[in-house]
């Protein structure tokens, strides 16, 4: 009889120990998940805050400062603005020839924008460099320093 009572107490103790360790593991997993979600929430709040600042900045730009077709109709003024950059790159890259041809500037139908006009112009640049490395350096420099979006077609 004493053996049955000891076995019963042992079973109850073993079950209680197993249940407690299982509960502790579950609580630990829940705490880990909670920390992970809190970290994601904090990151999302920072992203939303940054986005809000960007939207505020965009809305603070006066519409008079956004580009319109007036003032861009004259291709010569655009060439005068880009000429110093082209001359600088031609000298630094040691190109023997560098010919730039502009087509007229016109409104673009490729974008649906209400707050400002999108304009486009084709520019053909013919050049040769002493090495491929200088040619790619020239293209990178040109793409990063000319304002607007540039698309290399060929």
C-alpha atoms as a PDB file:
ATOM      1  CA  UNK A   1       0.000   0.000   0.000  1.00  0.00           C
ATOM      2  CA  UNK A   2       2.848   2.317   0.862  1.00  0.00           C
ATOM      3  CA  UNK A   3       4.343   1.575  -2.544  1.00  0.00           C
ATOM      4  CA  UNK A   4       1.108   2.601  -4.283  1.00  0.00           C
ATOM      5  CA  UNK A   5       1.007   5.884  -2.362  1.00  0.00           C
ATOM      6  CA  UNK A   6       4.663   6.592  -3.187  1.00  0.00           C
ATOM      7  CA  UNK A   7       4.027   5.739  -6.852  1.00  0.00           C
ATOM      8  CA  UNK A   8       0.991   8.048  -6.898  1.00  0.00           C
ATOM      9  CA  UNK A   9       2.960  10.915  -5.314  1.00  0.00           C
ATOM     10  CA  UNK A  10       5.841  10.279  -7.743  1.00  0.00           C
ATOM     11  CA  UNK A  11       3.459  10.345 -10.702  1.00  0.00           C
ATOM     12  CA  UNK A  12       1.848  13.567  -9.491  1.00  0.00           C
ATOM     13  CA  UNK A  13       5.276  15.125  -8.876  1.00  0.00           C
ATOM     14  CA  UNK A  14       6.578  13.984 -12.299  1.00  0.00           C
ATOM     15  CA  UNK A  15       3.486  15.305 -14.090  1.00  0.00           C
ATOM     16  CA  UNK A  16       3.722  18.629 -12.238  1.00  0.00           C
ATOM     17  CA  UNK A  17       7.440  18.969 -13.113  1.00  0.00           C
ATOM     18  CA  UNK A  18       6.767  18.129 -16.794  1.00  0.00           C
ATOM     19  CA  UNK A  19       3.818  20.570 -16.958  1.00  0.00           C
ATOM     20  CA  UNK A  20       5.877  23.344 -15.324  1.00  0.00           C
ATOM     21  CA  UNK A  21       8.864  22.900 -17.722  1.00  0.00           C
ATOM     22  CA  UNK A  22       6.499  22.757 -20.699  1.00  0.00           C
ATOM     23  CA  UNK A  23       4.783  25.937 -19.515  1.00  0.00           C
ATOM     24  CA  UNK A  24       8.158  27.686 -19.044  1.00  0.00           C
ATOM     25  CA  UNK A  25       9.207  26.740 -22.593  1.00  0.00           C
ATOM     26  CA  UNK A  26       5.918  28.041 -23.978  1.00  0.00           C
ATOM     27  CA  UNK A  27       6.272  31.300 -22.035  1.00  0.00           C
ATOM     28  CA  UNK A  28       9.842  31.695 -23.289  1.00  0.00           C
ATOM     29  CA  UNK A  29       8.711  31.174 -26.888  1.00  0.00           C
ATOM     30  CA  UNK A  30       5.917  33.725 -26.399  1.00  0.00           C
ATOM     31  CA  UNK A  31       8.394  36.255 -24.947  1.00  0.00           C
ATOM     32  CA  UNK A  32      10.730  35.743 -27.936  1.00  0.00           C
ATOM     33  CA  UNK A  33       7.852  36.260 -30.377  1.00  0.00           C
ATOM     34  CA  UNK A  34       6.733  39.351 -28.446  1.00  0.00           C
ATOM     35  CA  UNK A  35      10.246  40.840 -28.652  1.00  0.00           C
ATOM     36  CA  UNK A  36      10.407  40.094 -32.379  1.00  0.00           C
ATOM     37  CA  UNK A  37       7.029  41.759 -33.022  1.00  0.00           C
ATOM     38  CA  UNK A  38       8.024  44.786 -30.907  1.00  0.00           C
ATOM     39  CA  UNK A  39      11.196  45.157 -32.980  1.00  0.00           C
ATOM     40  CA  UNK A  40       9.219  44.962 -36.239  1.00  0.00           C
ATOM     41  CA  UNK A  41       6.714  47.499 -34.909  1.00  0.00           C
ATOM     42  CA  UNK A  42       9.491  49.918 -33.960  1.00  0.00           C
ATOM     43  CA  UNK A  43      11.068  49.547 -37.404  1.00  0.00           C
ATOM     44  CA  UNK A  44       7.719  50.128 -39.098  1.00  0.00           C
ATOM     45  CA  UNK A  45       7.103  53.238 -36.978  1.00  0.00           C
ATOM     46  CA  UNK A  46      10.476  54.630 -38.057  1.00  0.00           C
ATOM     47  CA  UNK A  47       9.677  53.943 -41.720  1.00  0.00           C
ATOM     48  CA  UNK A  48       6.273  55.620 -41.410  1.00  0.00           C
ATOM     49  CA  UNK A  49       7.881  58.610 -39.705  1.00  0.00           C
ATOM     50  CA  UNK A  50      10.475  58.918 -42.498  1.00  0.00           C
ATOM     51  CA  UNK A  51       7.745  58.611 -45.120  1.00  0.00           C
ATOM     52  CA  UNK A  52       5.702  61.316 -43.371  1.00  0.00           C
ATOM     53  CA  UNK A  53       8.712  63.645 -43.387  1.00  0.00           C
ATOM     54  CA  UNK A  54       9.237  62.988 -47.107  1.00  0.00           C
ATOM     55  CA  UNK A  55       5.590  63.706 -47.897  1.00  0.00           C
ATOM     56  CA  UNK A  56       5.740  66.918 -45.848  1.00  0.00           C
ATOM     57  CA  UNK A  57       8.860  67.999 -47.733  1.00  0.00           C
ATOM     58  CA  UNK A  58       7.245  67.225 -51.098  1.00  0.00           C
ATOM     59  CA  UNK A  59       4.112  69.151 -50.162  1.00  0.00           C
ATOM     60  CA  UNK A  60       6.197  72.092 -48.955  1.00  0.00           C
ATOM     61  CA  UNK A  61       7.794  72.531 -52.393  1.00  0.00           C
ATOM     62  CA  UNK A  62       6.000  75.406 -54.007  1.00  0.00           C
ATOM     63  CA  UNK A  63       4.377  74.425 -57.268  1.00  0.00           C
ATOM     64  CA  UNK A  64       6.138  77.366 -58.955  1.00  0.00           C
ATOM     65  CA  UNK A  65       9.433  75.549 -58.382  1.00  0.00           C
ATOM     66  CA  UNK A  66       8.315  72.367 -60.102  1.00  0.00           C
ATOM     67  CA  UNK A  67       9.387  72.025 -63.730  1.00  0.00           C
ATOM     68  CA  UNK A  68       7.017  73.133 -66.465  1.00  0.00           C
ATOM     69  CA  UNK A  69       7.459  73.452 -70.184  1.00  0.00           C
ATOM     70  CA  UNK A  70       8.038  77.197 -69.897  1.00  0.00           C
ATOM     71  CA  UNK A  71      11.756  77.780 -69.603  1.00  0.00           C
ATOM     72  CA  UNK A  72      12.619  74.381 -71.021  1.00  0.00           C
ATOM     73  CA  UNK A  73      11.537  75.051 -74.598  1.00  0.00           C
ATOM     74  CA  UNK A  74      14.916  76.409 -75.492  1.00  0.00           C
ATOM     75  CA  UNK A  75      17.227  73.473 -76.191  1.00  0.00           C
ATOM     76  CA  UNK A  76      20.203  75.825 -76.345  1.00  0.00           C
ATOM     77  CA  UNK A  77      19.820  76.740 -72.665  1.00  0.00           C
ATOM     78  CA  UNK A  78      19.921  73.047 -71.747  1.00  0.00           C
ATOM     79  CA  UNK A  79      23.047  72.574 -73.862  1.00  0.00           C
ATOM     80  CA  UNK A  80      24.695  75.557 -72.152  1.00  0.00           C
ATOM     81  CA  UNK A  81      23.887  74.026 -68.759  1.00  0.00           C
ATOM     82  CA  UNK A  82      25.383  70.635 -69.650  1.00  0.00           C
ATOM     83  CA  UNK A  83      28.376  71.865 -71.698  1.00  0.00           C
ATOM     84  CA  UNK A  84      30.697  72.481 -68.679  1.00  0.00           C
ATOM     85  CA  UNK A  85      30.021  68.951 -67.425  1.00  0.00           C
ATOM     86  CA  UNK A  86      30.719  67.422 -70.837  1.00  0.00           C
ATOM     87  CA  UNK A  87      33.927  69.447 -71.250  1.00  0.00           C
ATOM     88  CA  UNK A  88      35.098  68.494 -67.753  1.00  0.00           C
ATOM     89  CA  UNK A  89      34.488  64.804 -68.387  1.00  0.00           C
ATOM     90  CA  UNK A  90      36.102  64.937 -71.843  1.00  0.00           C
ATOM     91  CA  UNK A  91      39.291  66.345 -70.328  1.00  0.00           C
ATOM     92  CA  UNK A  92      39.380  64.029 -67.312  1.00  0.00           C
ATOM     93  CA  UNK A  93      38.629  60.892 -69.326  1.00  0.00           C
ATOM     94  CA  UNK A  94      41.149  61.806 -72.034  1.00  0.00           C
ATOM     95  CA  UNK A  95      38.697  61.296 -74.891  1.00  0.00           C
ATOM     96  CA  UNK A  96      39.979  62.304 -78.315  1.00  0.00           C
ATOM     97  CA  UNK A  97      36.442  62.851 -79.598  1.00  0.00           C
ATOM     98  CA  UNK A  98      33.207  63.528 -77.824  1.00  0.00           C
ATOM     99  CA  UNK A  99      30.228  64.652 -79.899  1.00  0.00           C
ATOM    100  CA  UNK A 100      26.909  65.526 -78.254  1.00  0.00           C
ATOM    101  CA  UNK A 101      23.685  66.036 -80.204  1.00  0.00           C
ATOM    102  CA  UNK A 102      20.428  67.185 -78.610  1.00  0.00           C
ATOM    103  CA  UNK A 103      16.936  66.887 -80.003  1.00  0.00           C
ATOM    104  CA  UNK A 104      14.216  69.365 -79.037  1.00  0.00           C
ATOM    105  CA  UNK A 105      12.593  69.169 -75.644  1.00  0.00           C
ATOM    106  CA  UNK A 106       8.941  68.089 -75.659  1.00  0.00           C
ATOM    107  CA  UNK A 107       6.254  67.048 -73.163  1.00  0.00           C
ATOM    108  CA  UNK A 108       6.278  63.358 -72.356  1.00  0.00           C
ATOM    109  CA  UNK A 109       3.208  61.166 -72.692  1.00  0.00           C
ATOM    110  CA  UNK A 110       4.896  58.293 -70.868  1.00  0.00           C
ATOM    111  CA  UNK A 111       3.903  59.448 -67.370  1.00  0.00           C
ATOM    112  CA  UNK A 112       0.582  60.388 -65.817  1.00  0.00           C
ATOM    113  CA  UNK A 113       1.464  63.224 -63.432  1.00  0.00           C
ATOM    114  CA  UNK A 114      -0.946  65.983 -62.397  1.00  0.00           C
ATOM    115  CA  UNK A 115       1.165  68.412 -60.359  1.00  0.00           C
ATOM    116  CA  UNK A 116       3.920  69.126 -62.886  1.00  0.00           C
ATOM    117  CA  UNK A 117       4.869  68.553 -66.510  1.00  0.00           C
ATOM    118  CA  UNK A 118       7.260  65.789 -67.487  1.00  0.00           C
ATOM    119  CA  UNK A 119       9.540  66.731 -70.333  1.00  0.00           C
ATOM    120  CA  UNK A 120      11.894  64.634 -72.372  1.00  0.00           C
ATOM    121  CA  UNK A 121      14.641  65.081 -74.892  1.00  0.00           C
ATOM    122  CA  UNK A 122      16.883  62.686 -76.729  1.00  0.00           C
ATOM    123  CA  UNK A 123      20.606  63.257 -76.480  1.00  0.00           C
ATOM    124  CA  UNK A 124      23.110  61.341 -78.579  1.00  0.00           C
ATOM    125  CA  UNK A 125      26.669  61.100 -77.307  1.00  0.00           C
ATOM    126  CA  UNK A 126      29.322  59.611 -79.572  1.00  0.00           C
ATOM    127  CA  UNK A 127      32.740  59.092 -78.043  1.00  0.00           C
ATOM    128  CA  UNK A 128      35.657  56.742 -77.841  1.00  0.00           C
ATOM    129  CA  UNK A 129      37.924  56.207 -74.899  1.00  0.00           C
ATOM    130  CA  UNK A 130      41.375  54.760 -74.420  1.00  0.00           C
ATOM    131  CA  UNK A 131      39.957  51.941 -72.268  1.00  0.00           C
ATOM    132  CA  UNK A 132      36.662  50.312 -71.387  1.00  0.00           C
ATOM    133  CA  UNK A 133      37.254  51.324 -67.787  1.00  0.00           C
ATOM    134  CA  UNK A 134      37.246  55.029 -68.704  1.00  0.00           C
ATOM    135  CA  UNK A 135      34.179  54.593 -70.921  1.00  0.00           C
ATOM    136  CA  UNK A 136      32.193  53.057 -68.056  1.00  0.00           C
ATOM    137  CA  UNK A 137      33.514  55.649 -65.606  1.00  0.00           C
ATOM    138  CA  UNK A 138      32.338  58.370 -68.024  1.00  0.00           C
ATOM    139  CA  UNK A 139      28.865  56.829 -68.283  1.00  0.00           C
ATOM    140  CA  UNK A 140      28.581  56.483 -64.509  1.00  0.00           C
ATOM    141  CA  UNK A 141      29.697  60.080 -63.933  1.00  0.00           C
ATOM    142  CA  UNK A 142      27.322  61.386 -66.593  1.00  0.00           C
ATOM    143  CA  UNK A 143      24.345  59.456 -65.208  1.00  0.00           C
ATOM    144  CA  UNK A 144      24.992  60.679 -61.676  1.00  0.00           C
ATOM    145  CA  UNK A 145      25.624  64.354 -62.491  1.00  0.00           C
ATOM    146  CA  UNK A 146      23.026  65.225 -65.135  1.00  0.00           C
ATOM    147  CA  UNK A 147      19.737  66.147 -63.433  1.00  0.00           C
ATOM    148  CA  UNK A 148      16.631  64.114 -64.151  1.00  0.00           C
ATOM    149  CA  UNK A 149      16.152  60.509 -65.198  1.00  0.00           C
ATOM    150  CA  UNK A 150      18.470  59.251 -67.907  1.00  0.00           C
ATOM    151  CA  UNK A 151      17.961  56.105 -69.915  1.00  0.00           C
ATOM    152  CA  UNK A 152      20.854  54.598 -71.831  1.00  0.00           C
ATOM    153  CA  UNK A 153      19.396  53.119 -74.990  1.00  0.00           C
ATOM    154  CA  UNK A 154      22.455  52.011 -76.889  1.00  0.00           C
END
